[in-house]
Amino acid sequence: MTNELQIFNQDVIPVYTTDKGEKVVMGRELHERLKINTAYADWIKRMAEYGFEEGTDYSLVSQK
């Protein structure tokens, strides 16, 4: 995924379209909108335990 994202839909959570035409959401935005009480880092690790696979279901993006 590149840094070129366009908002596709913003009803409940922004859905972005990548330059490859893929529809994506930002994990931190999803976590915030769902009002998850667990820290984001702990929550995303738990999502991986449910069978989500890096590179297929999500990609890590540095905020730096």
Protein backbone atom coordinates (compact mmCIF):
# COMPACT_ATOMS: atom_id res chain seq x y z
CA MET A 1 0.00 0.00 0.00
CA THR A 2 1.33 3.43 -0.84
CA ASN A 3 0.62 6.75 0.81
CA GLU A 4 -1.90 7.69 -1.87
CA LEU A 5 -5.32 7.09 -0.35
CA GLN A 6 -8.65 8.63 -1.24
CA ILE A 7 -11.72 8.45 0.98
CA PHE A 8 -14.30 6.12 -0.61
CA ASN A 9 -16.93 6.23 2.13
CA GLN A 10 -17.10 7.90 5.55
CA ASP A 11 -20.45 6.77 7.02
CA VAL A 12 -19.31 4.78 10.07
CA ILE A 13 -15.56 4.72 9.48
CA PRO A 14 -13.56 6.17 6.61
CA VAL A 15 -12.98 3.61 3.86
CA TYR A 16 -10.03 4.52 1.69
CA THR A 17 -9.21 3.49 -1.87
CA THR A 18 -5.52 2.81 -2.53
CA ASP A 19 -3.81 3.67 -5.77
CA LYS A 20 -4.31 -0.02 -6.68
CA GLY A 21 -8.09 0.28 -6.23
CA GLU A 22 -8.20 -1.71 -2.98
CA LYS A 23 -10.68 -0.64 -0.27
CA VAL A 24 -8.99 -0.35 3.14
CA VAL A 25 -9.65 0.98 6.64
CA MET A 26 -7.09 2.17 9.16
CA GLY A 27 -6.87 -0.11 12.19
CA ARG A 28 -6.49 2.74 14.64
CA GLU A 29 -9.58 4.48 13.22
CA LEU A 30 -11.56 1.22 13.44
CA HIS A 31 -10.38 0.67 17.02
CA GLU A 32 -11.41 4.21 17.97
CA ARG A 33 -14.83 4.10 16.27
CA LEU A 34 -15.66 0.73 17.83
CA LYS A 35 -14.78 2.25 21.22
CA ILE A 36 -12.55 -0.67 22.17
CA ASN A 37 -11.43 -0.33 25.80
CA THR A 38 -8.24 -2.34 25.30
CA ALA A 39 -5.09 -0.56 24.15
CA TYR A 40 -4.71 -0.66 20.36
CA ALA A 41 -1.46 -2.66 20.49
CA ASP A 42 -3.13 -5.38 22.60
CA TRP A 43 -6.29 -5.37 20.48
CA ILE A 44 -4.47 -5.81 17.16
CA LYS A 45 -2.41 -8.68 18.58
CA ARG A 46 -5.67 -10.35 19.62
CA MET A 47 -7.06 -9.89 16.09
CA ALA A 48 -4.02 -11.76 14.77
CA GLU A 49 -4.81 -14.61 17.18
CA TYR A 50 -8.25 -14.92 15.52
CA GLY A 51 -6.55 -15.85 12.28
CA PHE A 52 -5.99 -12.47 10.64
CA GLU A 53 -2.81 -12.67 8.59
CA GLU A 54 -0.33 -9.86 8.00
CA GLY A 55 -0.06 -9.10 4.29
CA THR A 56 -3.47 -10.66 3.60
CA ASP A 57 -5.89 -9.14 6.09
CA TYR A 58 -3.78 -6.23 7.29
CA SER A 59 -0.51 -4.41 6.67
CA LEU A 60 1.64 -2.71 9.25
CA VAL A 61 2.32 0.93 8.51
CA SER A 62 4.75 2.99 10.56
CA GLN A 63 3.44 6.30 11.85
CA LYS A 64 6.94 7.80 11.85
